[in-house]
Amino acid sequence: MSWSFAIVNNKLAEIYFDKNKKNQVKIWGHCYIKKEDYKNKLDQKWIEIDTRKVRVVYRNEKYRLV
């Protein structure tokens, strides 16, 4: 299982996911976080990079990549 920073329902979050052999993503869960909790410069950089690429909508217990 891997994790990444993402924007879920317009809020910063960590998402937990797996990739299959066809590089399809299966998201298992997420948790909302505050950017201020990650004070390390490397973490701040990862947040900036990951949130540009990954946006997710969570509705009716299903995830949809935007």
Protein backbone atom coordinates (compact mmCIF):
# COMPACT_ATOMS: atom_id res chain seq x y z
CA MET A 1 0.00 0.00 0.00
CA SER A 2 1.25 3.45 -0.89
CA TRP A 3 0.20 6.92 0.13
CA SER A 4 0.30 10.40 -1.32
CA PHE A 5 -0.90 13.90 -0.63
CA ALA A 6 -4.01 14.91 -2.58
CA ILE A 7 -6.91 17.29 -2.70
CA VAL A 8 -10.05 15.41 -1.64
CA ASN A 9 -13.31 17.36 -1.82
CA ASN A 10 -11.30 20.62 -1.96
CA LYS A 11 -9.37 19.82 1.25
CA LEU A 12 -5.79 18.69 1.74
CA ALA A 13 -5.58 14.98 2.56
CA GLU A 14 -3.41 11.90 2.54
CA ILE A 15 -4.76 9.11 0.34
CA TYR A 16 -3.87 5.44 0.66
CA PHE A 17 -3.90 3.39 -2.52
CA ASP A 18 -2.65 0.35 -4.45
CA LYS A 19 -1.75 0.04 -8.12
CA ASN A 20 -2.42 -3.11 -10.12
CA LYS A 21 -0.40 -4.49 -13.04
CA LYS A 22 -2.23 -2.24 -15.51
CA ASN A 23 -1.32 0.85 -13.38
CA GLN A 24 -4.94 1.34 -12.37
CA VAL A 25 -5.30 2.97 -8.97
CA LYS A 26 -7.48 1.54 -6.18
CA ILE A 27 -7.93 4.08 -3.38
CA TRP A 28 -8.50 2.48 0.02
CA GLY A 29 -9.00 5.53 2.18
CA HIS A 30 -8.06 9.07 3.06
CA CYS A 31 -7.59 11.37 6.04
CA TYR A 32 -7.73 15.13 6.05
CA ILE A 33 -4.62 16.95 7.27
CA LYS A 34 -3.40 20.47 7.94
CA LYS A 35 -0.49 21.83 5.95
CA GLU A 36 0.89 23.45 9.12
CA ASP A 37 1.47 20.00 10.67
CA TYR A 38 4.17 19.31 8.07
CA LYS A 39 6.92 21.82 8.87
CA ASN A 40 9.76 20.01 7.09
CA LYS A 41 10.74 21.70 3.79
CA LEU A 42 10.77 18.36 1.99
CA ASP A 43 7.23 17.59 3.14
CA GLN A 44 6.08 21.04 2.00
CA LYS A 45 7.64 20.39 -1.41
CA TRP A 46 5.87 17.01 -1.70
CA ILE A 47 2.55 18.63 -0.83
CA GLU A 48 3.01 21.20 -3.60
CA ILE A 49 3.98 18.57 -6.21
CA ASP A 50 1.38 15.92 -5.29
CA THR A 51 -1.58 18.26 -5.03
CA ARG A 52 -0.94 19.57 -8.55
CA LYS A 53 -1.33 16.05 -9.92
CA VAL A 54 -3.91 14.36 -7.69
CA ARG A 55 -7.46 15.57 -7.16
CA VAL A 56 -10.14 13.21 -5.92
CA VAL A 57 -13.86 13.40 -5.27
CA TYR A 58 -15.25 11.17 -2.51
CA ARG A 59 -18.99 10.70 -2.66
CA ASN A 60 -21.35 7.87 -1.73
CA GLU A 61 -18.42 5.83 -0.39
CA LYS A 62 -16.68 5.88 -3.81
CA TYR A 63 -13.57 7.66 -5.04
CA ARG A 64 -13.30 9.32 -8.43
CA LEU A 65 -10.09 10.83 -9.83
CA VAL A 66 -10.64 14.24 -11.39
